[in-house]
C-alpha cells in the first residue's frame, strides 16, 4: 500500500515538473518570437526612418542643410555678380563711338537715359547730372562727363560700377599722370585755369574731337568735355603720322662754305655756347620730318613746308653775316590734328638772342602751307586784334595785312590761342626776335 502510494506520488510529481518545464519552455519561445518580431519591427522602422529621413530630417539637421544651400546659392550669385562686374570693366562704353547718332539713337544704343533741359532744349543730361550731351538740330555736337558738379553721385557710380563710360578712352577717376603717358602721349597741350588742360592730337581727331578739355585735382580726372565734328572724323580716319627727328649740323670758318658734319651731335654741347671768341661758325638745327603712309604727295608737301622754314632760319642767321656765330635751333609742335599742324622753332644766336620761326601745314589741303584764312580767321579779325593791342604802329599793321593771304610763317597756332607776329619794317631779319614778342598780337580762338 505504501509502495503504491509512493509510486503514485512520484508519477504526480513528475507530471507537475514536466508541466512546469513545458510552460516555461513555451514562454521562452514566445519571448524569443516577440523579441524577433520587435527587432524586425525596429529594423523596418529604421529603414522607414531612413527613407523618411531623406525627405525630412530633424530640425537642426534641416537648418544646417538649408544654411549650407543658402550659402551655396549666395556664392553662385556672388560669382555671377563678380563676372558681371568684370564683364562691365571689359565692356566699357566709349561715348564718342555713338556721337554720330541722333540723340534718340544715342540713348538706345548706349542704354543711357537722358532728360532734356526745359529751358535749354539743346542740352540733355542723365538724372544724376554726370553725363551731358549737347545737340544741334537733334545731332550731337558735344559730350561731357562731369564728376565735379555732382561729386557724390559720381563717386557712388565709380565705386558701384567702376564707371564704365569713357570719353576718348578716359574715364572719371583715372590718374592724370597715367593718361598723359598713354592716351594723350602724342597730344599737344595747352594750360587753362588751375588743373584745367586742353589737348589736341590725331587720335582725338579720329574720334571727331578737335579739342579735349580735362579738369583734374592734381591726381584724378574730375571732368572731361569735348566737341564733336563729323567732318573732322571722316577726314582723319585714314591718316597716320610718323614723326622722325633730324639734325642739320654744319661747321666752318667761312659762312658761305660750311660743311655738313657726318656724325652730328645728338645734343648741342655746352662748350660751343657762351664763348666770347668764336673761331668757327657752328649751325645745329633739330627739325621733324613727317611720313603719312598711303599719302606720298601729302608727305612731300608737308616736309617741303618744314624745309622752307629751316631755310628761313639759315638765311636770317649765319647767311646774313660774315661773322662767326653759333646757331642753335629746336622745335615744338604747338597744334596737331587731322586738319592742321603748327610748328615753331626756338632759335638761339650765340646763346644770347632768341628768335622764332613758325611753320604751319594744312593737312586738309594735301599738306600745303596753311594761311590764317584756312583756320577761319578773317582779315577783319586780324585787323581788329592788331588795333586793339595798342602795341603796333598803324603802318606796321597795314603792311602785315597786305600779306595776309600769303603769311604761313608769321603766326603760331596753339590749341586755344593764336599769336600773330607783326614785323617791324625797319627790322632787317625776317625772324621774330624776343623784342618782337611785345609787338605780337595774341587772342583766344573762337
Protein backbone atom coordinates (compact mmCIF):
# COMPACT_ATOMS: atom_id res chain seq x y z
CA UNK A 1 0.00 0.00 0.00
CA UNK A 2 2.69 2.33 0.89
CA UNK A 3 4.65 1.26 -2.19
CA UNK A 4 1.70 2.04 -4.46
CA UNK A 5 1.23 5.41 -2.84
CA UNK A 6 4.90 6.17 -3.25
CA UNK A 7 4.80 5.32 -6.97
CA UNK A 8 1.61 7.36 -7.50
CA UNK A 9 3.19 10.33 -5.71
CA UNK A 10 6.34 10.11 -7.80
CA UNK A 11 4.31 9.99 -11.05
CA UNK A 12 2.29 13.02 -9.93
CA UNK A 13 5.44 14.95 -9.09
CA UNK A 14 6.95 14.09 -12.47
CA UNK A 15 3.82 15.31 -14.27
CA UNK A 16 3.84 18.52 -12.31
CA UNK A 17 7.54 19.17 -13.08
CA UNK A 18 7.02 18.34 -16.76
CA UNK A 19 4.09 20.70 -16.93
CA UNK A 20 6.12 23.48 -15.36
CA UNK A 21 9.04 22.89 -17.72
CA UNK A 22 6.71 22.82 -20.73
CA UNK A 23 5.06 26.07 -19.58
CA UNK A 24 8.32 27.94 -19.24
CA UNK A 25 9.63 26.49 -22.49
CA UNK A 26 6.63 27.88 -24.35
CA UNK A 27 7.04 31.31 -22.69
CA UNK A 28 10.66 31.38 -23.71
CA UNK A 29 9.73 30.61 -27.30
CA UNK A 30 7.11 33.33 -27.23
CA UNK A 31 9.58 35.78 -25.78
CA UNK A 32 12.11 34.92 -28.44
CA UNK A 33 9.46 35.32 -31.12
CA UNK A 34 8.41 38.59 -29.54
CA UNK A 35 11.98 39.83 -29.46
CA UNK A 36 12.48 38.72 -33.05
CA UNK A 37 9.31 40.49 -34.12
CA UNK A 38 10.33 43.56 -32.17
CA UNK A 39 13.73 43.55 -33.79
CA UNK A 40 12.10 43.10 -37.18
CA UNK A 41 9.75 45.98 -36.47
CA UNK A 42 12.63 48.15 -35.29
CA UNK A 43 14.59 47.25 -38.41
CA UNK A 44 11.61 48.08 -40.60
CA UNK A 45 11.03 51.31 -38.71
CA UNK A 46 14.69 52.13 -39.07
CA UNK A 47 14.50 51.56 -42.80
CA UNK A 48 11.34 53.62 -42.99
CA UNK A 49 13.03 56.23 -40.85
CA UNK A 50 15.98 56.37 -43.22
CA UNK A 51 13.64 56.69 -46.16
CA UNK A 52 11.72 59.42 -44.41
CA UNK A 53 15.00 60.98 -43.29
CA UNK A 54 15.81 61.71 -46.93
CA UNK A 55 12.65 63.78 -47.03
CA UNK A 56 12.55 65.18 -43.54
CA UNK A 57 15.38 65.26 -41.06
CA UNK A 58 15.50 66.64 -37.57
CA UNK A 59 15.03 70.45 -37.27
CA UNK A 60 18.72 71.02 -36.53
CA UNK A 61 19.84 68.95 -39.47
CA UNK A 62 17.30 70.61 -41.75
CA UNK A 63 18.50 74.08 -40.61
CA UNK A 64 22.12 73.17 -41.27
CA UNK A 65 21.24 71.79 -44.66
CA UNK A 66 19.20 74.88 -45.62
CA UNK A 67 22.01 77.12 -44.37
CA UNK A 68 24.54 75.24 -46.48
CA UNK A 69 22.28 75.51 -49.53
CA UNK A 70 21.71 79.22 -48.94
CA UNK A 71 25.44 79.83 -48.67
CA UNK A 72 25.97 77.88 -51.87
CA UNK A 73 23.36 79.98 -53.70
CA UNK A 74 24.89 83.19 -52.36
CA UNK A 75 28.30 82.07 -53.54
CA UNK A 76 26.90 81.44 -57.01
CA UNK A 77 25.19 84.83 -57.04
CA UNK A 78 28.40 86.49 -55.87
CA UNK A 79 30.33 84.75 -58.63
CA UNK A 80 27.76 85.88 -61.21
CA UNK A 81 27.90 89.46 -59.91
CA UNK A 82 31.69 89.39 -59.98
CA UNK A 83 31.62 88.08 -63.53
CA UNK A 84 29.17 90.83 -64.46
CA UNK A 85 31.39 93.45 -62.86
CA UNK A 86 34.42 92.07 -64.65
CA UNK A 87 32.42 91.98 -67.84
CA UNK A 88 31.41 95.59 -67.28
CA UNK A 89 35.05 96.57 -66.93
CA UNK A 90 35.87 94.78 -70.16
CA UNK A 91 32.87 96.27 -71.96
CA UNK A 92 33.40 99.95 -71.26
CA UNK A 93 31.20 102.21 -73.37
CA UNK A 94 33.17 104.79 -75.35
CA UNK A 95 30.74 107.67 -75.74
CA UNK A 96 32.46 109.04 -78.85
CA UNK A 97 31.65 105.81 -80.70
CA UNK A 98 27.99 106.86 -80.64
CA UNK A 99 28.39 110.62 -81.13
CA UNK A 100 27.43 110.49 -84.81
CA UNK A 101 23.95 109.17 -83.91
CA UNK A 102 21.00 111.40 -83.20
CA UNK A 103 20.00 111.83 -79.57
CA UNK A 104 17.31 109.12 -79.57
CA UNK A 105 19.57 106.53 -81.17
CA UNK A 106 22.36 107.52 -78.78
CA UNK A 107 20.20 106.69 -75.78
CA UNK A 108 19.02 103.43 -77.33
CA UNK A 109 22.48 102.17 -78.27
CA UNK A 110 24.29 103.20 -75.08
CA UNK A 111 21.48 102.42 -72.64
CA UNK A 112 21.96 105.88 -71.13
CA UNK A 113 18.67 107.62 -70.34
CA UNK A 114 18.88 111.38 -70.84
CA UNK A 115 16.47 114.14 -69.85
CA UNK A 116 16.03 117.24 -71.98
CA UNK A 117 16.55 120.58 -70.26
CA UNK A 118 13.29 122.51 -70.17
CA UNK A 119 14.90 125.88 -70.79
CA UNK A 120 17.85 124.87 -72.98
CA UNK A 121 16.36 122.20 -75.21
CA UNK A 122 19.71 121.57 -76.90
CA UNK A 123 21.07 120.22 -73.60
CA UNK A 124 20.43 116.69 -72.35
CA UNK A 125 21.68 115.10 -69.12
CA UNK A 126 21.33 111.96 -67.04
CA UNK A 127 19.20 112.09 -63.89
CA UNK A 128 22.36 112.28 -61.77
CA UNK A 129 23.85 115.07 -63.97
CA UNK A 130 27.05 113.10 -64.61
CA UNK A 131 26.72 112.72 -68.40
CA UNK A 132 25.81 115.75 -70.53
CA UNK A 133 25.04 115.80 -74.24
CA UNK A 134 24.79 118.94 -76.37
CA UNK A 135 22.84 118.88 -79.62
CA UNK A 136 22.12 121.00 -82.67
CA UNK A 137 19.11 120.06 -84.75
CA UNK A 138 18.93 116.69 -82.97
CA UNK A 139 22.55 115.88 -83.83
CA UNK A 140 25.21 115.60 -81.14
CA UNK A 141 27.80 118.39 -81.15
CA UNK A 142 29.31 117.95 -77.68
CA UNK A 143 29.74 115.45 -74.84
CA UNK A 144 30.73 115.94 -71.23
CA UNK A 145 31.36 113.70 -68.22
CA UNK A 146 31.16 115.73 -65.02
CA UNK A 147 32.37 114.48 -61.67
CA UNK A 148 32.57 117.96 -60.13
CA UNK A 149 29.02 119.29 -60.26
CA UNK A 150 27.66 116.09 -58.68
CA UNK A 151 30.74 114.78 -56.95
CA UNK A 152 28.97 112.44 -54.50
CA UNK A 153 26.86 110.78 -57.20
CA UNK A 154 29.88 110.37 -59.44
CA UNK A 155 31.86 108.76 -56.62
CA UNK A 156 28.98 106.36 -55.94
CA UNK A 157 28.94 105.36 -59.61
CA UNK A 158 32.69 104.84 -59.61
CA UNK A 159 32.53 102.60 -56.53
CA UNK A 160 29.46 100.71 -57.72
CA UNK A 161 30.25 100.22 -61.40
CA UNK A 162 33.89 101.15 -61.77
CA UNK A 163 32.36 103.82 -64.03
CA UNK A 164 32.01 102.01 -67.38
CA UNK A 165 31.79 105.14 -69.57
CA UNK A 166 34.81 106.68 -71.26
CA UNK A 167 35.34 109.82 -73.31
CA UNK A 168 38.27 109.49 -75.73
CA UNK A 169 39.39 106.43 -73.78
CA UNK A 170 39.47 108.35 -70.49
CA UNK A 171 37.19 107.80 -67.52
CA UNK A 172 36.43 109.63 -64.31
CA UNK A 173 38.92 108.88 -61.53
CA UNK A 174 41.67 107.86 -63.97
CA UNK A 175 45.09 109.09 -62.91
CA UNK A 176 46.13 112.13 -64.91
CA UNK A 177 49.79 111.03 -64.94
CA UNK A 178 48.84 107.68 -66.48
CA UNK A 179 46.60 109.32 -69.10
CA UNK A 180 49.41 111.65 -70.17
CA UNK A 181 51.69 108.65 -70.71
CA UNK A 182 49.13 106.61 -72.67
CA UNK A 183 46.04 108.09 -74.33
CA UNK A 184 47.45 111.64 -74.54
CA UNK A 185 51.09 110.71 -75.04
CA UNK A 186 51.31 112.21 -78.55
CA UNK A 187 48.93 115.09 -77.90
CA UNK A 188 49.67 118.81 -77.89
CA UNK A 189 48.91 120.52 -74.63
CA UNK A 190 47.72 123.95 -73.52
CA UNK A 191 47.16 125.17 -69.95
CA UNK A 192 43.90 126.66 -68.76
CA UNK A 193 42.98 127.63 -65.23
CA UNK A 194 44.17 125.70 -62.17
CA UNK A 195 44.25 121.97 -63.05
CA UNK A 196 42.48 122.69 -66.35
CA UNK A 197 44.19 121.46 -69.52
CA UNK A 198 43.38 121.27 -73.23
CA UNK A 199 44.63 118.66 -75.71
CA UNK A 200 44.65 118.11 -79.46
CA UNK A 201 46.04 115.16 -81.44
CA UNK A 202 45.45 112.98 -84.48
CA UNK A 203 43.99 110.31 -82.19
CA UNK A 204 41.40 112.78 -80.92
CA UNK A 205 40.67 113.95 -84.48
CA UNK A 206 39.85 110.38 -85.46
CA UNK A 207 37.14 110.45 -82.79
CA UNK A 208 35.83 113.75 -84.13
CA UNK A 209 37.37 115.80 -81.31
CA UNK A 210 39.26 118.98 -82.15
CA UNK A 211 39.91 119.96 -78.52
CA UNK A 212 39.59 117.85 -75.38
CA UNK A 213 39.16 119.68 -72.08
CA UNK A 214 40.38 117.86 -68.97
CA UNK A 215 39.98 119.00 -65.36
CA UNK A 216 41.71 117.11 -62.57
CA UNK A 217 42.57 117.59 -58.90
CA UNK A 218 46.28 117.06 -59.40
CA UNK A 219 45.86 113.30 -59.29
CA UNK A 220 42.49 112.05 -60.56
CA UNK A 221 40.37 113.06 -63.56
CA UNK A 222 37.33 115.05 -62.40
CA UNK A 223 35.75 116.24 -65.66
CA UNK A 224 36.00 115.65 -69.43
CA UNK A 225 34.48 117.72 -72.21
CA UNK A 226 34.73 117.56 -76.00
CA UNK A 227 33.00 118.94 -79.05
CA UNK A 228 32.12 116.57 -81.89
CA UNK A 229 32.80 117.25 -85.59
CA UNK A 230 31.78 114.51 -88.01
CA UNK A 231 33.76 116.02 -90.89
CA UNK A 232 36.93 116.06 -88.80
CA UNK A 233 36.42 112.39 -88.00
CA UNK A 234 35.78 111.47 -91.64
CA UNK A 235 38.86 113.35 -92.88
CA UNK A 236 41.16 111.91 -90.21
CA UNK A 237 40.20 108.23 -90.07
CA UNK A 238 42.65 107.12 -92.78
CA UNK A 239 45.59 109.24 -91.59
CA UNK A 240 48.66 108.21 -89.64
CA UNK A 241 51.55 110.46 -88.65
CA UNK A 242 55.04 109.04 -88.25
CA UNK A 243 57.45 111.64 -86.91
CA UNK A 244 61.24 111.37 -87.07
CA UNK A 245 63.77 113.81 -85.63
CA UNK A 246 66.55 115.01 -87.91
CA UNK A 247 69.67 117.09 -87.21
CA UNK A 248 71.23 119.59 -89.62
CA UNK A 249 74.76 120.20 -88.38
CA UNK A 250 77.23 122.40 -90.27
CA UNK A 251 80.59 123.93 -89.33
CA UNK A 252 83.26 126.08 -90.97
CA UNK A 253 85.36 129.24 -90.72
CA UNK A 254 83.63 130.86 -93.69
CA UNK A 255 79.87 131.17 -93.53
CA UNK A 256 79.41 130.71 -97.25
CA UNK A 257 81.36 127.47 -97.22
CA UNK A 258 80.08 125.50 -94.25
CA UNK A 259 80.37 121.73 -94.46
CA UNK A 260 77.88 119.20 -93.16
CA UNK A 261 79.07 117.14 -90.20
CA UNK A 262 78.83 113.44 -91.00
CA UNK A 263 78.07 112.44 -87.40
CA UNK A 264 76.06 115.33 -85.95
CA UNK A 265 75.67 115.84 -82.23
CA UNK A 266 72.50 114.41 -80.74
CA UNK A 267 72.52 117.46 -78.45
CA UNK A 268 74.41 120.67 -78.88
CA UNK A 269 77.41 120.54 -76.48
CA UNK A 270 77.72 123.36 -73.96
CA UNK A 271 81.31 124.16 -75.00
CA UNK A 272 80.05 125.88 -78.14
CA UNK A 273 77.65 128.10 -76.26
CA UNK A 274 78.60 131.28 -74.48
CA UNK A 275 82.08 131.52 -75.98
CA UNK A 276 83.49 135.04 -76.29
CA UNK A 277 85.90 134.18 -79.10
CA UNK A 278 84.17 132.00 -81.67
CA UNK A 279 86.74 130.55 -84.06
CA UNK A 280 84.23 128.99 -86.45
CA UNK A 281 80.56 129.08 -87.26
CA UNK A 282 78.52 126.18 -85.96
CA UNK A 283 74.93 125.58 -87.08
CA UNK A 284 72.86 122.94 -85.28
CA UNK A 285 69.17 122.69 -86.16
CA UNK A 286 66.87 119.98 -84.90
CA UNK A 287 63.75 119.56 -87.01
CA UNK A 288 61.00 116.98 -87.63
CA UNK A 289 60.17 115.01 -90.74
CA UNK A 290 56.73 113.58 -91.31
CA UNK A 291 55.61 110.40 -93.05
CA UNK A 292 51.93 109.85 -93.82
CA UNK A 293 51.53 106.24 -95.05
CA UNK A 294 49.47 105.96 -98.23
CA UNK A 295 49.78 109.71 -98.89
CA UNK A 296 53.11 110.28 -100.70
CA UNK A 297 52.17 113.67 -102.17
CA UNK A 298 50.85 114.94 -98.85
CA UNK A 299 54.03 113.70 -97.16
CA UNK A 300 56.25 115.51 -99.66
CA UNK A 301 54.26 118.75 -99.41
CA UNK A 302 54.36 118.79 -95.62
CA UNK A 303 58.12 118.15 -95.49
CA UNK A 304 58.69 120.85 -98.13
CA UNK A 305 56.97 123.38 -95.85
CA UNK A 306 59.24 122.31 -92.96
CA UNK A 307 62.36 122.55 -95.14
CA UNK A 308 61.40 126.06 -96.23
CA UNK A 309 61.10 127.11 -92.59
CA UNK A 310 64.60 125.74 -91.91
CA UNK A 311 65.96 127.65 -94.92
CA UNK A 312 64.48 130.86 -93.47
CA UNK A 313 66.35 130.18 -90.22
CA UNK A 314 69.63 129.82 -92.09
CA UNK A 315 69.00 132.79 -94.39
CA UNK A 316 68.31 135.06 -91.42
CA UNK A 317 71.19 133.97 -89.16
CA UNK A 318 74.65 132.96 -90.40
CA UNK A 319 73.96 133.74 -94.08
CA UNK A 320 73.35 137.39 -93.23
CA UNK A 321 76.81 137.97 -91.76
CA UNK A 322 80.49 137.19 -92.29
CA UNK A 323 81.00 136.98 -88.57
CA UNK A 324 81.46 133.54 -87.00
CA UNK A 325 78.43 132.71 -84.88
CA UNK A 326 76.81 129.71 -83.20
CA UNK A 327 73.24 128.99 -84.26
CA UNK A 328 71.15 126.50 -82.30
CA UNK A 329 67.52 125.73 -83.09
CA UNK A 330 64.99 123.28 -81.71
CA UNK A 331 61.31 122.81 -82.48
CA UNK A 332 57.94 122.38 -80.78
CA UNK A 333 54.67 121.13 -82.23
CA UNK A 334 52.08 123.50 -80.75
CA UNK A 335 49.00 122.18 -82.50
CA UNK A 336 48.20 118.95 -84.28
CA UNK A 337 45.00 117.47 -85.69
CA UNK A 338 43.70 115.73 -88.76
CA UNK A 339 43.42 119.15 -90.44
CA UNK A 340 46.36 121.31 -89.32
CA UNK A 341 49.86 121.19 -87.86
CA UNK A 342 51.54 124.25 -86.33
CA UNK A 343 55.28 124.10 -85.58
CA UNK A 344 57.53 126.76 -84.07
CA UNK A 345 61.34 126.89 -83.81
CA UNK A 346 63.26 128.50 -80.96
CA UNK A 347 66.44 129.91 -82.50
CA UNK A 348 69.46 130.96 -80.40
CA UNK A 349 72.31 133.01 -81.85
CA UNK A 350 75.46 132.91 -79.68
CA UNK A 351 73.12 131.86 -76.84
CA UNK A 352 72.04 135.46 -76.41
CA UNK A 353 69.46 136.37 -79.00
CA UNK A 354 66.27 134.34 -79.10
CA UNK A 355 64.31 134.35 -82.33
CA UNK A 356 61.28 132.46 -83.57
CA UNK A 357 60.38 130.85 -86.86
CA UNK A 358 56.88 129.49 -87.45
CA UNK A 359 55.69 126.81 -89.81
CA UNK A 360 52.03 125.95 -90.48
CA UNK A 361 50.77 123.00 -92.53
CA UNK A 362 47.28 122.43 -93.92
CA UNK A 363 46.73 118.66 -93.93
CA UNK A 364 43.19 119.06 -95.24
CA UNK A 365 44.73 120.69 -98.35
CA UNK A 366 47.15 117.89 -99.07
CA UNK A 367 49.89 119.09 -96.70
CA UNK A 368 50.42 122.53 -98.27
CA UNK A 369 51.11 125.79 -96.43
CA UNK A 370 48.38 126.90 -94.04
CA UNK A 371 47.27 130.52 -94.10
CA UNK A 372 45.20 132.30 -91.47
CA UNK A 373 42.13 132.17 -93.71
CA UNK A 374 42.36 128.37 -93.68
CA UNK A 375 41.75 128.43 -89.92
CA UNK A 376 38.66 130.57 -90.39
CA UNK A 377 40.46 133.71 -89.15
CA UNK A 378 39.38 136.62 -91.30
CA UNK A 379 41.44 139.65 -92.29
CA UNK A 380 38.99 141.83 -90.34
CA UNK A 381 39.58 139.73 -87.22
CA UNK A 382 43.36 140.22 -87.50
CA UNK A 383 42.98 143.95 -88.11
CA UNK A 384 40.67 144.34 -85.11
CA UNK A 385 43.02 142.48 -82.76
CA UNK A 386 46.05 144.37 -84.07
CA UNK A 387 44.50 147.78 -83.46
CA UNK A 388 43.09 146.76 -80.06
CA UNK A 389 46.57 145.70 -78.92
CA UNK A 390 47.80 149.34 -78.96
CA UNK A 391 51.33 147.93 -79.27
CA UNK A 392 51.69 148.33 -83.02
CA UNK A 393 52.15 151.21 -85.37
CA UNK A 394 49.36 151.63 -87.87
CA UNK A 395 51.83 151.40 -90.77
CA UNK A 396 53.12 148.05 -89.47
CA UNK A 397 49.61 146.66 -89.25
CA UNK A 398 48.74 147.77 -92.76
CA UNK A 399 51.93 146.21 -94.10
CA UNK A 400 51.11 142.92 -92.37
CA UNK A 401 47.56 142.90 -93.68
CA UNK A 402 48.84 143.33 -97.24
CA UNK A 403 50.45 139.91 -96.90
CA UNK A 404 47.52 138.36 -95.03
CA UNK A 405 46.80 135.90 -97.85
CA UNK A 406 50.41 134.71 -98.08
CA UNK A 407 51.53 134.60 -94.45
CA UNK A 408 52.15 131.00 -93.44
CA UNK A 409 55.16 131.57 -91.16
CA UNK A 410 54.31 134.83 -89.33
CA UNK A 411 51.89 133.28 -86.86
CA UNK A 412 51.74 130.33 -84.46
CA UNK A 413 48.56 128.48 -83.64
CA UNK A 414 48.05 126.92 -80.24
CA UNK A 415 45.09 124.84 -79.13
CA UNK A 416 43.18 127.84 -77.80
CA UNK A 417 45.31 130.81 -78.82
CA UNK A 418 46.55 132.48 -81.95
CA UNK A 419 49.76 134.52 -81.90
CA UNK A 420 50.47 136.78 -84.87
CA UNK A 421 53.94 138.35 -85.24
CA UNK A 422 53.67 141.71 -86.96
CA UNK A 423 57.11 142.56 -88.33
CA UNK A 424 58.66 145.95 -87.86
CA UNK A 425 59.55 147.15 -91.39
CA UNK A 426 62.76 148.68 -90.04
CA UNK A 427 63.95 145.31 -88.80
CA UNK A 428 66.44 143.58 -91.07
CA UNK A 429 65.76 140.00 -90.08
CA UNK A 430 62.64 138.18 -91.16
CA UNK A 431 62.77 136.19 -87.94
CA UNK A 432 60.74 137.37 -84.97
CA UNK A 433 63.14 138.35 -82.20
CA UNK A 434 62.49 138.38 -78.47
CA UNK A 435 61.81 142.13 -78.54
CA UNK A 436 59.04 141.47 -81.07
CA UNK A 437 57.12 139.43 -78.54
CA UNK A 438 55.64 142.59 -77.14
CA UNK A 439 54.64 143.60 -80.66
CA UNK A 440 52.86 140.36 -81.34
CA UNK A 441 49.08 140.04 -81.24
CA UNK A 442 47.51 137.28 -79.17
CA UNK A 443 43.90 136.26 -78.77
CA UNK A 444 41.83 133.23 -77.84
CA UNK A 445 40.47 131.28 -80.75
CA UNK A 446 36.69 131.24 -81.07
